[in-house]
Amino acid sequence: MGGLGWMEILVILVIVMVIFGAGKLPKVMGDLGAGIRNFKSNLSDGAKADTDSTPAKTDDAPKA
């Protein structure tokens, strides 16, 4: 029960080659990489927005 071995990875790669063909594989991998980069960028932007949007302290108590 310990992850994927080289044989399983090889079978997955053969299946991907059969489905997409050797000609389309570089384009598919490039699109996948761009999607992952976009996802990571949005995650880091969301984390920055959470830290930047801390509410400012306001003194709403009435003054006597």
Protein backbone atom coordinates (compact mmCIF):
# COMPACT_ATOMS: atom_id res chain seq x y z
CA MET A 1 0.00 0.00 0.00
CA GLY A 2 2.67 2.49 -0.84
CA GLY A 3 2.02 4.80 -3.77
CA LEU A 4 2.54 4.21 -7.44
CA GLY A 5 5.35 2.05 -8.73
CA TRP A 6 7.11 2.49 -12.05
CA MET A 7 4.93 -0.18 -13.67
CA GLU A 8 1.70 1.63 -12.78
CA ILE A 9 3.09 4.94 -14.03
CA LEU A 10 4.12 3.27 -17.29
CA VAL A 11 0.62 1.84 -17.79
CA ILE A 12 -0.93 5.27 -17.13
CA LEU A 13 1.42 6.90 -19.65
CA VAL A 14 0.56 4.28 -22.30
CA ILE A 15 -3.15 4.87 -21.76
CA VAL A 16 -2.66 8.64 -22.06
CA MET A 17 -0.68 8.14 -25.29
CA VAL A 18 -3.47 5.98 -26.73
CA ILE A 19 -6.20 8.48 -25.79
CA PHE A 20 -4.49 11.70 -26.87
CA GLY A 21 -1.96 10.48 -29.42
CA ALA A 22 1.70 11.45 -29.57
CA GLY A 23 1.02 14.61 -31.61
CA LYS A 24 -1.38 16.20 -29.13
CA LEU A 25 0.49 15.19 -25.98
CA PRO A 26 2.78 18.28 -25.75
CA LYS A 27 -0.22 20.62 -26.15
CA VAL A 28 -2.23 18.72 -23.53
CA MET A 29 0.67 18.79 -21.07
CA GLY A 30 1.24 22.50 -21.71
CA ASP A 31 -2.42 23.25 -21.07
CA LEU A 32 -2.31 21.17 -17.90
CA GLY A 33 0.76 23.06 -16.68
CA ALA A 34 -0.87 26.42 -17.43
CA GLY A 35 -3.96 25.35 -15.51
CA ILE A 36 -1.90 24.31 -12.50
CA ARG A 37 0.04 27.60 -12.55
CA ASN A 38 -3.22 29.55 -12.76
CA PHE A 39 -4.67 27.55 -9.87
CA LYS A 40 -1.61 28.18 -7.68
CA SER A 41 -1.64 31.87 -8.58
CA ASN A 42 -5.28 32.19 -7.58
CA LEU A 43 -4.60 30.39 -4.31
CA SER A 44 -1.77 32.74 -3.42
CA ASP A 45 -3.85 35.79 -4.47
CA GLY A 46 -6.67 34.59 -2.24
CA ALA A 47 -4.32 34.17 0.70
CA LYS A 48 -2.96 37.69 0.17
CA ALA A 49 -6.49 39.10 -0.03
CA ASP A 50 -7.37 37.42 3.27
CA THR A 51 -4.40 38.95 5.06
CA ASP A 52 -4.79 42.39 3.43
CA SER A 53 -8.48 42.74 4.20
CA THR A 54 -8.25 42.74 7.98
CA PRO A 55 -10.82 45.19 9.28
CA ALA A 56 -9.48 48.40 10.71
CA LYS A 57 -10.25 49.11 14.34
CA THR A 58 -12.94 51.70 14.75
CA ASP A 59 -14.13 53.30 17.91
CA ASP A 60 -17.90 53.07 17.67
CA ALA A 61 -18.47 53.74 21.36
CA PRO A 62 -20.19 57.06 22.04
CA LYS A 63 -17.99 59.66 23.67
CA ALA A 64 -19.21 61.23 26.91
